[in-house]
């Protein structure tokens, strides 16, 4: 699992392997976040390692929350990908798969019935 971050003003979502399926870390994190003025609600999904924080941007900045999470070891911003990067990576994977499938089918059709038809298996 990689680190993930998505934010809009007043809302911050992160995913972290540090909190995935880790009840003691989740309890510590809940206690830490409950003491911060400006955080309205938090929701932690232990199965996915997702943390959703709703906060008051007039009181608190998202950078303050991210710095705290980093300082406490719950999140590593240097390894985090954004929502745009996540989508781009998955679209690229799908494109590569589709390209290989189409090329493989085309080669198989083109070589069918020829002495080179066995090459289609390799492609």
Foldseek 3Di string as FASTA:
>chain_A
DFWAWEDDVQKIKIAFPLQALDVVVVVVVVVVVVPDPFWDDWDADNNRRMIMTGGHNVRDDVVVVVVVCVVVPNHDPVGYDYPVVVVVVVVVVVVVVVVVVVVLVVVCVVCPPHPCNVVSVVD
